[in-house]
Protein backbone atom coordinates (compact mmCIF):
# COMPACT_ATOMS: atom_id res chain seq x y z
CA MET A 1 -22.57 -30.66 55.71
CA ARG A 2 -26.18 -29.87 56.41
CA ALA A 3 -28.47 -31.42 53.83
CA GLY A 4 -30.79 -28.39 53.91
CA ARG A 5 -28.12 -26.18 52.36
CA LEU A 6 -27.68 -28.51 49.39
CA LYS A 7 -30.81 -27.26 47.64
CA HIS A 8 -29.51 -27.08 44.07
CA LYS A 9 -29.28 -30.10 41.76
CA ILE A 10 -26.20 -29.93 39.53
CA THR A 11 -24.59 -32.17 36.97
CA LEU A 12 -20.90 -32.42 36.16
CA HIS A 13 -19.91 -33.22 32.58
CA ALA A 14 -16.53 -34.67 31.64
CA ALA A 15 -14.32 -33.11 28.98
CA VAL A 16 -13.98 -34.95 25.68
CA LYS A 17 -10.89 -34.11 23.65
CA THR A 18 -10.81 -34.90 19.95
CA LYS A 19 -7.97 -34.59 17.49
CA ALA A 20 -8.66 -33.19 14.02
CA SER A 21 -6.89 -34.29 10.85
CA MET A 22 -4.37 -31.42 11.09
CA GLY A 23 -3.45 -32.38 14.66
CA GLU A 24 -5.31 -29.61 16.49
CA VAL A 25 -7.12 -30.69 19.65
CA SER A 26 -10.62 -29.49 20.37
CA LYS A 27 -12.38 -29.80 23.70
CA SER A 28 -16.09 -30.40 24.16
CA PHE A 29 -18.16 -31.82 26.99
CA SER A 30 -20.14 -35.04 27.21
CA ALA A 31 -23.87 -34.68 26.65
CA THR A 32 -24.69 -37.12 29.44
CA PRO A 33 -23.73 -36.14 33.00
CA THR A 34 -20.79 -37.91 34.58
CA ILE A 35 -21.96 -37.00 38.11
CA THR A 36 -25.32 -35.75 39.39
CA THR A 37 -25.40 -34.37 42.93
CA ARG A 38 -26.87 -31.74 45.26
CA ALA A 39 -24.99 -28.48 45.88
CA GLU A 40 -24.92 -25.15 47.64
CA ILE A 41 -24.20 -22.32 45.19
CA TRP A 42 -23.49 -18.68 45.92
CA GLY A 43 -22.07 -15.80 43.91
CA MET A 44 -18.73 -14.41 44.99
CA SER A 45 -18.06 -11.52 42.61
CA ALA A 46 -19.18 -9.90 39.39
CA LYS A 47 -17.18 -7.54 37.17
CA GLU A 48 -18.19 -5.69 34.07
CA LEU A 49 -15.70 -6.21 31.27
CA ILE A 50 -15.15 -4.96 27.77
CA ARG A 51 -13.72 -7.64 25.47
CA ASP A 52 -13.26 -7.16 21.75
CA GLY A 53 -15.33 -3.99 21.94
CA LYS A 54 -18.28 -5.80 23.56
CA GLU A 55 -19.49 -5.35 27.10
CA GLY A 56 -19.85 -8.45 29.27
CA MET A 57 -19.78 -9.82 32.78
CA ASP A 58 -17.25 -11.98 34.62
CA ILE A 59 -19.16 -13.77 37.39
CA THR A 60 -17.52 -16.14 39.89
CA HIS A 61 -19.25 -18.56 42.24
CA GLN A 62 -18.41 -20.99 44.99
CA ILE A 63 -20.12 -24.35 44.83
CA LYS A 64 -20.08 -26.78 47.77
CA ILE A 65 -20.84 -30.47 47.33
CA ARG A 66 -20.34 -33.59 49.41
CA TYR A 67 -17.00 -35.23 48.69
CA ARG A 68 -17.00 -37.23 45.46
CA ALA A 69 -14.00 -39.00 43.99
CA GLY A 70 -13.58 -38.24 40.31
CA VAL A 71 -14.43 -34.52 40.31
CA ALA A 72 -11.79 -32.94 38.07
CA HIS A 73 -10.70 -29.48 36.91
CA ASP A 74 -11.54 -30.21 33.28
CA MET A 75 -15.23 -30.85 34.04
CA GLN A 76 -18.09 -28.46 33.47
CA ILE A 77 -20.95 -27.85 35.93
CA HIS A 78 -24.52 -27.48 34.69
CA PHE A 79 -27.23 -25.94 36.89
CA GLY A 80 -30.45 -25.64 34.93
CA SER A 81 -29.57 -23.64 31.82
CA ARG A 82 -26.47 -22.14 33.46
CA ILE A 83 -22.96 -23.48 32.82
CA PHE A 84 -19.92 -23.07 35.08
CA GLU A 85 -16.24 -23.57 34.27
CA ILE A 86 -14.30 -25.07 37.19
CA LYS A 87 -11.33 -22.93 38.25
CA SER A 88 -10.26 -24.76 41.43
CA ILE A 89 -11.32 -27.65 43.67
CA SER A 90 -10.54 -27.78 47.38
CA ASN A 91 -11.01 -30.87 49.56
CA PHE A 92 -11.99 -28.98 52.73
CA ARG A 93 -9.46 -29.77 55.48
CA GLU A 94 -8.46 -32.86 53.44
CA ALA A 95 -11.21 -34.70 55.36
CA ASN A 96 -12.98 -36.18 52.29
CA ARG A 97 -16.30 -34.74 53.50
CA LYS A 98 -16.92 -31.79 51.17
CA LEU A 99 -15.48 -30.17 48.09
CA ILE A 100 -15.42 -26.41 47.62
CA ILE A 101 -15.35 -25.55 43.93
CA SER A 102 -14.51 -22.09 42.59
CA ALA A 103 -16.18 -21.65 39.22
CA LYS A 104 -16.76 -19.00 36.58
CA GLU A 105 -20.18 -18.73 35.00
CA GLU A 106 -20.16 -18.87 31.22
CA LEU A 107 -22.42 -16.23 29.75
């Protein structure tokens, strides 16, 4: 990967699952980053949606980073004030050189 394309600094935050007294499990994310790295980010698609009578957007992105062990589907990506939910992770050509992450921006 060319270093010049990795112009965005992102942090990945691990999921923290807690169990309440009634047995229900809630999921939150750690306040401190698990991984900090450089990335290439670009938008793939945007759709206008109407959910529960409210208009909104569904925006998907692809995020490329150098290969890192420990990147998981239940992590969250932070880029400045923006937050992305990981949908899929692909180890490009299984060469352990770069990861291509499909993510949905949380609005």
